Amino acid sequence: MRTAQRRSARGRPPGPQAAAPAGRRRPARHRPWPAWCAALALAVALGLPTAVPRAQARPADGTATALPPLPAPDAHGLDLTQWREVPGFDGRLGEATFLTDAVFAPAGAGKPSIDPVRKPVKVRIHLPAHYDPAKRYPVLYLLHGGAADVKQWSEPGDGDIAHTLEGTAFDGIVVMPEGGKAGWYSDWPGHTDGNFAPQWETFHIRQLLPWIDANFATRAERSGRAVAGASMGGLGALKYAAAHRDLFSSVGVFSGGTDIRPAAAQRTVNDSLWFYGAAFSWTGLLDGTYRVTGSTAHRMETVFGPASGWAAFNPVQVAATEASYKAYDGRLALYAGTGESDIHEWNEALHAPLTARGVTHRYCTGPGGHEMRLWQQDLRNFLDYIHGSGTRSCPNGWASPTS
């Protein structure tokens, strides 16, 4: 569930290259907190942003934009503070900034260290060409990986969603929400050292999903929704699919985490809570109270609750149950490179019970590592698979799929 290694001018993000189980190598040793703080202080000196700026109000009258108007901007627990066009996408990519009580909620015995607790959180929304409010479009909820943010799937040089979708069978809306650098797509039962906790599942499922249906021309039903993600986002897609079978009809998992029980998986979660904790985008990266200190067991319970409850959402355990992922029969796809070590092994461990339970699914594997260039092709293949283009091959030059 590691994020792709970036080879851009921004360099590799600090901390583990994962938002889930580590793969080919052990996580980097912890640096002392002062060193990490100093590194971010350098970013301040260089003039880089260190916090999500407080979003301005909606564009003033007369602001040129190709984006559609929003009929219900403040709804379902979300207060919209900005709806802007992201330049360079021909008016098809919008960025919404919200305030919500789900990010963050006060938790713990003490007073939260941050005031206000509500922080601006962003969602990017890519619209189909010639978007027509009179039509109804399918929606893909596309989740980012660990140590990444809301921009991962959309930016050129990263997921480049506009280019990635070209030529696929998908003609719909793509929703790319913020999920925290180590949020793990969970409503945290525990809390940070600063007595607050993100409620990412509430934000995504109870607030954002109905907000999207209220503001865009969606097929507002189970058959019109898919969820997919890479690395940590792959774990998130499987978690949401298991918990909300009534909301989603298709699931795509690209190098995703499938089991939080192995020691290597827990080591990555542990490290992510030291490096990032509840931070998202630039929010909280300079504040130690966003982090979670304590043992690995404590950190796991902070994010996922007691181990006795993991079977309800942990993908490998879910797949072994009577219910399994049967609701996604013929509309579930897993992709993992053989060079991903533990992650490939854990995807094999999910593929086996799915097969044993008779859940028809696509499983593609072959040479390759934990990187965005493969995930882009995985996404294209997944969309063609669920939207009936008849494609029978796997992406990335891999062998034929198994199911």
Protein backbone atom coordinates (compact mmCIF):
# COMPACT_ATOMS: atom_id res chain seq x y z
CA MET A 1 0.00 0.00 0.00
CA ARG A 2 2.97 2.18 -0.66
CA THR A 3 2.73 5.23 -2.82
CA ALA A 4 4.56 5.36 -6.12
CA GLN A 5 8.10 6.64 -5.97
CA ARG A 6 8.13 10.07 -7.52
CA ARG A 7 10.94 11.12 -9.80
CA SER A 8 9.96 14.73 -10.22
CA ALA A 9 11.50 17.98 -9.04
CA ARG A 10 9.56 17.59 -5.82
CA GLY A 11 11.48 14.44 -5.03
CA ARG A 12 10.39 11.49 -2.93
CA PRO A 13 7.97 12.27 -0.12
CA PRO A 14 9.51 11.86 3.33
CA GLY A 15 8.65 8.78 5.30
CA PRO A 16 7.50 5.37 4.12
CA GLN A 17 6.64 4.95 0.47
CA ALA A 18 3.45 3.34 1.61
CA ALA A 19 0.11 3.83 2.87
CA ALA A 20 -0.10 0.20 3.63
CA PRO A 21 2.04 -2.90 3.96
CA ALA A 22 5.66 -2.41 3.02
CA GLY A 23 7.00 -4.35 0.11
CA ARG A 24 10.50 -4.91 -1.07
CA ARG A 25 12.38 -3.27 1.72
CA ARG A 26 11.96 -2.35 5.33
CA PRO A 27 10.69 1.14 6.12
CA ALA A 28 13.29 3.81 6.67
CA ARG A 29 14.49 4.27 10.22
CA HIS A 30 12.75 6.99 12.17
CA ARG A 31 14.48 10.30 12.19
CA PRO A 32 14.20 12.38 15.32
CA TRP A 33 11.24 14.73 15.30
CA PRO A 34 13.44 17.87 15.30
CA ALA A 35 15.08 16.74 12.04
CA TRP A 36 11.74 16.19 10.35
CA CYS A 37 10.49 19.54 11.65
CA ALA A 38 13.64 21.21 10.37
CA ALA A 39 13.11 19.71 6.93
CA LEU A 40 9.66 21.21 6.76
CA ALA A 41 10.93 24.49 8.12
CA LEU A 42 13.19 24.59 5.07
CA ALA A 43 10.07 24.38 2.93
CA VAL A 44 8.81 27.47 4.72
CA ALA A 45 12.06 29.27 4.01
CA LEU A 46 11.76 28.36 0.34
CA GLY A 47 8.28 29.79 0.22
CA LEU A 48 6.42 26.51 -0.26
CA PRO A 49 2.90 26.24 1.18
CA THR A 50 2.74 24.64 4.62
CA ALA A 51 -0.99 24.54 5.15
CA VAL A 52 -4.10 24.41 3.08
CA PRO A 53 -5.05 28.09 2.76
CA ARG A 54 -8.48 29.00 4.02
CA ALA A 55 -10.61 28.80 0.93
CA GLN A 56 -12.27 31.94 -0.33
CA ALA A 57 -15.96 32.16 -1.04
CA ARG A 58 -17.43 30.95 -4.29
CA PRO A 59 -16.23 32.87 -7.35
CA ALA A 60 -17.74 36.36 -7.56
CA ASP A 61 -20.33 37.09 -10.22
CA GLY A 62 -18.72 37.43 -13.60
CA THR A 63 -15.83 35.03 -12.96
CA ALA A 64 -15.28 33.06 -16.16
CA THR A 65 -15.58 29.33 -15.64
CA ALA A 66 -16.68 26.37 -17.71
CA LEU A 67 -17.77 24.44 -14.63
CA PRO A 68 -21.47 23.80 -14.07
CA PRO A 69 -23.28 25.63 -11.26
CA LEU A 70 -23.95 23.69 -8.09
CA PRO A 71 -27.62 23.55 -7.07
CA ALA A 72 -26.96 22.39 -3.48
CA PRO A 73 -23.49 23.69 -2.49
CA ASP A 74 -24.08 23.41 1.27
CA ALA A 75 -25.66 20.04 1.99
CA HIS A 76 -25.19 16.69 3.73
CA GLY A 77 -22.91 18.12 6.40
CA LEU A 78 -20.61 19.86 3.91
CA ASP A 79 -20.16 23.63 3.74
CA LEU A 80 -18.68 24.59 0.39
CA THR A 81 -16.20 27.45 0.63
CA GLN A 82 -14.81 27.34 -2.91
CA TRP A 83 -15.65 25.78 -6.28
CA ARG A 84 -12.95 26.52 -8.80
CA GLU A 85 -11.77 25.36 -12.18
CA VAL A 86 -8.36 23.69 -12.19
CA PRO A 87 -6.44 25.27 -15.11
CA GLY A 88 -5.29 23.12 -18.01
CA PHE A 89 -8.20 20.69 -18.17
CA ASP A 90 -10.52 22.48 -20.64
CA GLY A 91 -13.07 23.22 -17.95
CA ARG A 92 -13.52 19.56 -17.05
CA LEU A 93 -11.71 19.46 -13.70
CA GLY A 94 -13.15 21.26 -10.71
CA GLU A 95 -11.83 21.52 -7.19
CA ALA A 96 -14.28 21.86 -4.31
CA THR A 97 -13.14 22.96 -0.85
CA PHE A 98 -15.33 22.09 2.12
CA LEU A 99 -15.60 22.53 5.84
CA THR A 100 -16.99 19.49 7.63
CA ASP A 101 -17.26 18.18 11.16
CA ALA A 102 -15.84 14.87 9.94
CA VAL A 103 -12.37 16.35 9.37
CA PHE A 104 -11.66 16.61 12.27
CA ALA A 105 -13.77 15.51 15.26
CA PRO A 106 -12.71 16.19 18.88
CA ALA A 107 -11.66 12.94 20.58
CA GLY A 108 -9.89 11.93 23.75
CA ALA A 109 -10.02 13.24 27.27
CA GLY A 110 -8.38 16.61 26.70
CA LYS A 111 -9.17 19.72 24.73
CA PRO A 112 -8.19 19.47 21.02
CA SER A 113 -4.85 21.11 20.33
CA ILE A 114 -6.14 22.73 17.13
CA ASP A 115 -8.66 25.56 17.01
CA PRO A 116 -10.79 25.51 14.99
CA VAL A 117 -11.00 21.75 14.67
CA ARG A 118 -12.67 22.03 11.24
CA LYS A 119 -10.06 22.32 8.51
CA PRO A 120 -10.60 22.95 4.79
CA VAL A 121 -10.56 19.70 2.81
CA LYS A 122 -10.50 19.36 -0.97
CA VAL A 123 -12.09 17.09 -3.55
CA ARG A 124 -11.32 17.08 -7.26
CA ILE A 125 -14.07 16.20 -9.74
CA HIS A 126 -13.41 15.34 -13.40
CA LEU A 127 -16.38 15.69 -15.73
CA PRO A 128 -16.98 13.90 -19.03
CA ALA A 129 -16.58 15.76 -22.31
CA HIS A 130 -19.67 17.74 -23.25
CA TYR A 131 -21.14 17.26 -19.78
CA ASP A 132 -24.92 17.62 -20.03
CA PRO A 133 -26.96 18.16 -16.83
CA ALA A 134 -29.94 16.58 -18.57
CA LYS A 135 -28.15 13.25 -18.86
CA ARG A 136 -27.19 10.77 -16.13
CA TYR A 137 -23.58 9.63 -15.76
CA PRO A 138 -21.86 6.81 -13.87
CA VAL A 139 -19.50 7.88 -11.09
CA LEU A 140 -16.10 6.48 -10.16
CA TYR A 141 -14.78 7.26 -6.68
CA LEU A 142 -11.01 7.11 -7.11
CA LEU A 143 -8.92 6.95 -3.91
CA HIS A 144 -5.30 8.05 -3.54
CA GLY A 145 -2.45 6.20 -1.87
CA GLY A 146 -0.54 6.82 1.33
CA ALA A 147 1.74 9.85 1.72
CA ALA A 148 -0.18 11.33 -1.24
CA ASP A 149 -3.10 13.74 -1.43
CA VAL A 150 -6.12 14.88 -3.40
CA LYS A 151 -3.98 15.74 -6.45
CA GLN A 152 -2.40 12.32 -6.97
CA TRP A 153 -4.78 10.99 -9.62
CA SER A 154 -5.33 14.24 -11.52
CA GLU A 155 -1.98 15.96 -11.99
CA PRO A 156 0.04 15.54 -15.20
CA GLY A 157 3.19 13.62 -14.33
CA ASP A 158 1.21 11.69 -11.74
CA GLY A 159 -2.18 10.03 -12.38
CA ASP A 160 -3.01 12.47 -15.21
CA ILE A 161 -6.68 11.48 -15.14
CA ALA A 162 -7.67 13.35 -18.31
CA HIS A 163 -5.08 11.49 -20.39
CA THR A 164 -5.59 8.18 -18.61
CA LEU A 165 -9.31 8.11 -19.42
CA GLU A 166 -8.79 8.74 -23.14
CA GLY A 167 -9.99 5.86 -25.29
CA THR A 168 -11.62 3.92 -22.45
CA ALA A 169 -15.24 2.76 -22.38
CA PHE A 170 -15.93 5.07 -19.43
CA ASP A 171 -17.98 8.21 -20.05
CA GLY A 172 -18.66 9.43 -16.56
CA ILE A 173 -17.66 11.50 -13.56
CA VAL A 174 -14.51 10.80 -11.53
CA VAL A 175 -14.48 11.95 -7.91
CA MET A 176 -11.01 12.15 -6.35
CA PRO A 177 -11.28 13.03 -2.64
CA GLU A 178 -8.68 13.82 -0.03
CA GLY A 179 -8.17 10.83 2.25
CA GLY A 180 -5.28 11.79 4.51
CA LYS A 181 -1.64 10.88 4.08
CA ALA A 182 -2.17 8.08 6.59
CA GLY A 183 -5.93 8.21 7.02
CA TRP A 184 -6.45 4.60 5.97
CA TYR A 185 -10.02 5.35 4.83
CA SER A 186 -11.27 4.88 8.35
CA ASP A 187 -13.29 6.64 11.01
CA TRP A 188 -10.56 6.54 13.63
CA PRO A 189 -11.81 4.95 16.88
CA GLY A 190 -8.79 6.47 18.63
CA HIS A 191 -7.22 9.91 18.37
CA THR A 192 -4.05 11.86 17.75
CA ASP A 193 -1.78 13.16 20.47
CA GLY A 194 -3.71 16.42 20.10
CA ASN A 195 -7.10 14.90 20.99
CA PHE A 196 -8.80 14.93 17.61
CA ALA A 197 -9.47 12.29 14.98
CA PRO A 198 -10.34 12.16 11.27
CA GLN A 199 -13.57 10.51 10.22
CA TRP A 200 -12.69 9.78 6.60
CA GLU A 201 -15.33 7.12 5.99
CA THR A 202 -18.06 9.44 7.25
CA PHE A 203 -16.76 12.24 5.03
CA HIS A 204 -16.60 10.06 1.92
CA ILE A 205 -19.68 7.89 2.32
CA ARG A 206 -22.20 9.80 4.43
CA GLN A 207 -21.39 13.31 3.23
CA LEU A 208 -19.53 13.47 -0.08
CA LEU A 209 -21.37 10.69 -1.92
CA PRO A 210 -24.87 12.20 -1.47
CA TRP A 211 -23.43 15.69 -2.08
CA ILE A 212 -22.14 14.54 -5.48
CA ASP A 213 -25.55 13.10 -6.34
CA ALA A 214 -27.23 16.36 -5.27
CA ASN A 215 -24.98 18.57 -7.42
CA PHE A 216 -24.19 16.59 -10.56
CA ALA A 217 -26.07 14.58 -13.16
CA THR A 218 -25.29 11.17 -11.71
CA ARG A 219 -26.87 7.77 -11.88
CA ALA A 220 -27.72 7.99 -8.20
CA GLU A 221 -28.02 4.27 -7.60
CA ARG A 222 -25.77 1.34 -6.82
CA SER A 223 -25.38 0.31 -10.48
CA GLY A 224 -24.05 3.76 -11.31
CA ARG A 225 -21.20 3.80 -8.79
CA ALA A 226 -17.74 2.23 -8.72
CA VAL A 227 -14.92 2.60 -6.21
CA ALA A 228 -11.24 2.05 -6.94
CA GLY A 229 -7.84 3.02 -5.59
CA ALA A 230 -4.11 2.40 -5.52
CA SER A 231 -1.99 1.24 -2.61
CA MET A 232 -3.65 2.58 0.56
CA GLY A 233 -6.53 3.60 -1.70
CA GLY A 234 -6.88 -0.01 -2.82
CA LEU A 235 -7.40 -1.02 0.80
CA GLY A 236 -9.90 1.82 1.08
CA ALA A 237 -11.83 0.62 -1.98
CA LEU A 238 -12.07 -2.90 -0.57
CA LYS A 239 -13.08 -1.60 2.88
CA TYR A 240 -15.82 0.60 1.46
CA ALA A 241 -17.01 -2.17 -0.86
CA ALA A 242 -17.32 -4.59 2.06
CA ALA A 243 -19.15 -2.11 4.29
CA HIS A 244 -21.41 -0.52 1.67
CA ARG A 245 -22.60 -3.18 -0.72
CA ASP A 246 -25.76 -1.14 -1.22
CA LEU A 247 -23.82 1.84 -2.62
CA PHE A 248 -21.24 0.40 -5.02
CA SER A 249 -21.46 -2.16 -7.82
CA SER A 250 -17.80 -2.38 -8.94
CA VAL A 251 -14.40 -2.43 -7.25
CA GLY A 252 -10.90 -1.86 -8.69
CA VAL A 253 -7.73 -2.46 -6.65
CA PHE A 254 -4.29 -1.44 -7.93
CA SER A 255 -1.40 -2.71 -5.79
CA GLY A 256 -3.78 -2.51 -2.88
CA GLY A 257 -3.39 -3.59 0.70
CA THR A 258 -5.53 -6.63 1.34
CA ASP A 259 -4.62 -7.67 4.89
CA ILE A 260 -3.71 -5.52 7.90
CA ARG A 261 -2.69 -8.46 10.12
CA PRO A 262 0.86 -9.31 8.86
CA ALA A 263 3.76 -7.75 10.75
CA ALA A 264 5.01 -5.91 7.67
CA ALA A 265 1.60 -4.33 7.13
CA GLN A 266 1.40 -3.21 10.74
CA ARG A 267 4.95 -1.86 10.58
CA THR A 268 3.90 0.39 7.69
CA VAL A 269 0.79 1.62 9.50
CA ASN A 270 2.94 2.26 12.57
CA ASP A 271 5.49 4.28 10.60
CA SER A 272 2.82 6.25 8.76
CA LEU A 273 1.31 7.44 12.03
CA TRP A 274 4.73 8.61 13.20
CA PHE A 275 5.55 10.45 9.97
CA TYR A 276 2.09 11.81 9.12
CA GLY A 277 -0.54 10.88 11.66
CA ALA A 278 -3.75 12.71 10.77
CA ALA A 279 -2.05 15.17 8.39
CA PHE A 280 -3.48 15.70 4.92
CA SER A 281 -2.07 17.72 2.05
CA TRP A 282 0.05 20.33 3.89
CA THR A 283 -2.29 20.52 6.87
CA GLY A 284 -0.63 19.25 10.04
CA LEU A 285 2.80 18.44 8.63
CA LEU A 286 4.45 20.97 10.95
CA ASP A 287 2.37 20.07 13.99
CA GLY A 288 3.46 17.14 16.15
CA THR A 289 0.05 16.89 17.81
CA TYR A 290 -1.33 15.44 14.56
CA ARG A 291 0.75 12.34 15.18
CA VAL A 292 0.11 9.25 17.27
CA THR A 293 2.75 8.06 19.69
CA GLY A 294 2.83 4.66 21.34
CA SER A 295 3.27 1.02 20.43
CA THR A 296 2.38 -0.55 17.09
CA ALA A 297 -0.64 -2.19 18.71
CA HIS A 298 -1.83 1.17 20.03
CA ARG A 299 -1.42 2.81 16.64
CA MET A 300 -3.28 0.00 14.87
CA GLU A 301 -6.17 0.31 17.32
CA THR A 302 -6.16 4.09 16.91
CA VAL A 303 -6.96 3.72 13.22
CA PHE A 304 -8.79 0.39 12.99
CA GLY A 305 -10.07 -0.38 16.48
CA PRO A 306 -9.44 -3.64 18.39
CA ALA A 307 -8.23 -6.61 16.34
CA SER A 308 -11.36 -8.51 17.34
CA GLY A 309 -13.36 -6.31 14.96
CA TRP A 310 -11.09 -6.39 11.92
CA ALA A 311 -12.83 -9.34 10.26
CA ALA A 312 -15.74 -7.06 9.36
CA PHE A 313 -13.64 -5.01 6.93
CA ASN A 314 -10.17 -6.58 6.50
CA PRO A 315 -10.33 -7.78 2.87
CA VAL A 316 -8.74 -11.23 3.20
CA GLN A 317 -10.95 -12.00 6.17
CA VAL A 318 -14.05 -10.63 4.43
CA ALA A 319 -13.32 -12.77 1.36
CA ALA A 320 -13.30 -15.92 3.50
CA THR A 321 -16.80 -15.31 4.90
CA GLU A 322 -20.11 -16.54 3.57
CA ALA A 323 -21.05 -13.04 2.33
CA SER A 324 -17.59 -12.48 0.87
CA TYR A 325 -17.52 -10.02 -2.04
CA LYS A 326 -20.29 -11.90 -3.84
CA ALA A 327 -22.17 -8.64 -4.40
CA TYR A 328 -19.39 -7.71 -6.85
CA ASP A 329 -19.42 -10.95 -8.81
CA GLY A 330 -18.01 -10.23 -12.26
CA ARG A 331 -17.24 -6.60 -11.37
CA LEU A 332 -14.19 -6.85 -9.11
CA ALA A 333 -10.61 -6.53 -10.38
CA LEU A 334 -7.23 -6.93 -8.64
CA TYR A 335 -3.88 -5.86 -10.08
CA ALA A 336 -0.45 -6.42 -8.49
CA GLY A 337 3.10 -6.56 -9.82
CA THR A 338 5.31 -9.51 -8.96
CA GLY A 339 8.05 -7.06 -7.99
CA GLU A 340 5.97 -5.73 -5.10
CA SER A 341 6.98 -8.51 -2.73
CA ASP A 342 4.58 -8.49 0.22
CA ILE A 343 1.80 -6.69 -1.67
CA HIS A 344 1.83 -9.29 -4.44
CA GLU A 345 1.73 -12.04 -1.84
CA TRP A 346 -1.23 -10.42 -0.07
CA ASN A 347 -3.14 -10.02 -3.35
CA GLU A 348 -2.56 -13.72 -4.02
CA ALA A 349 -3.99 -14.34 -0.54
CA LEU A 350 -7.14 -12.41 -1.50
CA HIS A 351 -7.46 -14.03 -4.92
CA ALA A 352 -7.53 -17.52 -3.36
CA PRO A 353 -10.64 -17.17 -1.14
CA LEU A 354 -12.45 -15.18 -3.82
CA THR A 355 -11.92 -18.12 -6.16
CA ALA A 356 -12.88 -20.64 -3.50
CA ARG A 357 -16.11 -18.76 -2.79
CA GLY A 358 -16.98 -18.61 -6.48
CA VAL A 359 -16.67 -14.83 -6.79
CA THR A 360 -15.95 -14.11 -10.45
CA HIS A 361 -13.25 -11.47 -10.62
CA ARG A 362 -10.35 -10.31 -12.75
CA TYR A 363 -6.87 -10.92 -11.33
CA CYS A 364 -3.93 -9.53 -13.30
CA THR A 365 -0.31 -9.88 -12.28
CA GLY A 366 3.08 -9.71 -13.91
CA PRO A 367 6.46 -7.95 -13.84
CA GLY A 368 6.46 -4.54 -12.24
CA GLY A 369 6.60 -2.60 -9.01
CA HIS A 370 4.63 -0.10 -6.98
CA GLU A 371 4.34 2.76 -9.45
CA MET A 372 1.83 5.10 -11.02
CA ARG A 373 2.65 4.27 -14.64
CA LEU A 374 1.32 0.75 -14.02
CA TRP A 375 -1.68 1.97 -12.02
CA GLN A 376 -2.76 4.20 -14.90
CA GLN A 377 -2.94 1.18 -17.17
CA ASP A 378 -4.63 -0.84 -14.42
CA LEU A 379 -7.32 1.85 -14.19
CA ARG A 380 -7.89 1.87 -17.93
CA ASN A 381 -8.20 -1.91 -17.94
CA PHE A 382 -10.60 -1.88 -15.00
CA LEU A 383 -12.89 0.69 -16.62
CA ASP A 384 -13.02 -1.27 -19.85
CA TYR A 385 -13.72 -4.44 -17.87
CA ILE A 386 -16.71 -3.06 -15.97
CA HIS A 387 -18.12 -0.99 -18.80
CA GLY A 388 -18.34 -3.86 -21.23
CA SER A 389 -15.75 -3.17 -23.88
CA GLY A 390 -15.02 -6.89 -24.03
CA THR A 391 -11.30 -6.53 -23.31
CA ARG A 392 -9.87 -9.90 -22.32
CA SER A 393 -6.22 -9.04 -21.84
CA CYS A 394 -4.42 -7.72 -18.77
CA PRO A 395 -2.60 -4.37 -18.84
CA ASN A 396 1.14 -3.72 -18.74
CA GLY A 397 1.93 -6.65 -21.06
CA TRP A 398 0.94 -9.11 -18.34
CA ALA A 399 -0.47 -12.58 -18.99
CA SER A 400 -4.19 -13.26 -19.43
CA PRO A 401 -6.34 -12.60 -16.36
CA THR A 402 -7.45 -15.31 -13.97
CA SER A 403 -10.75 -15.34 -12.13
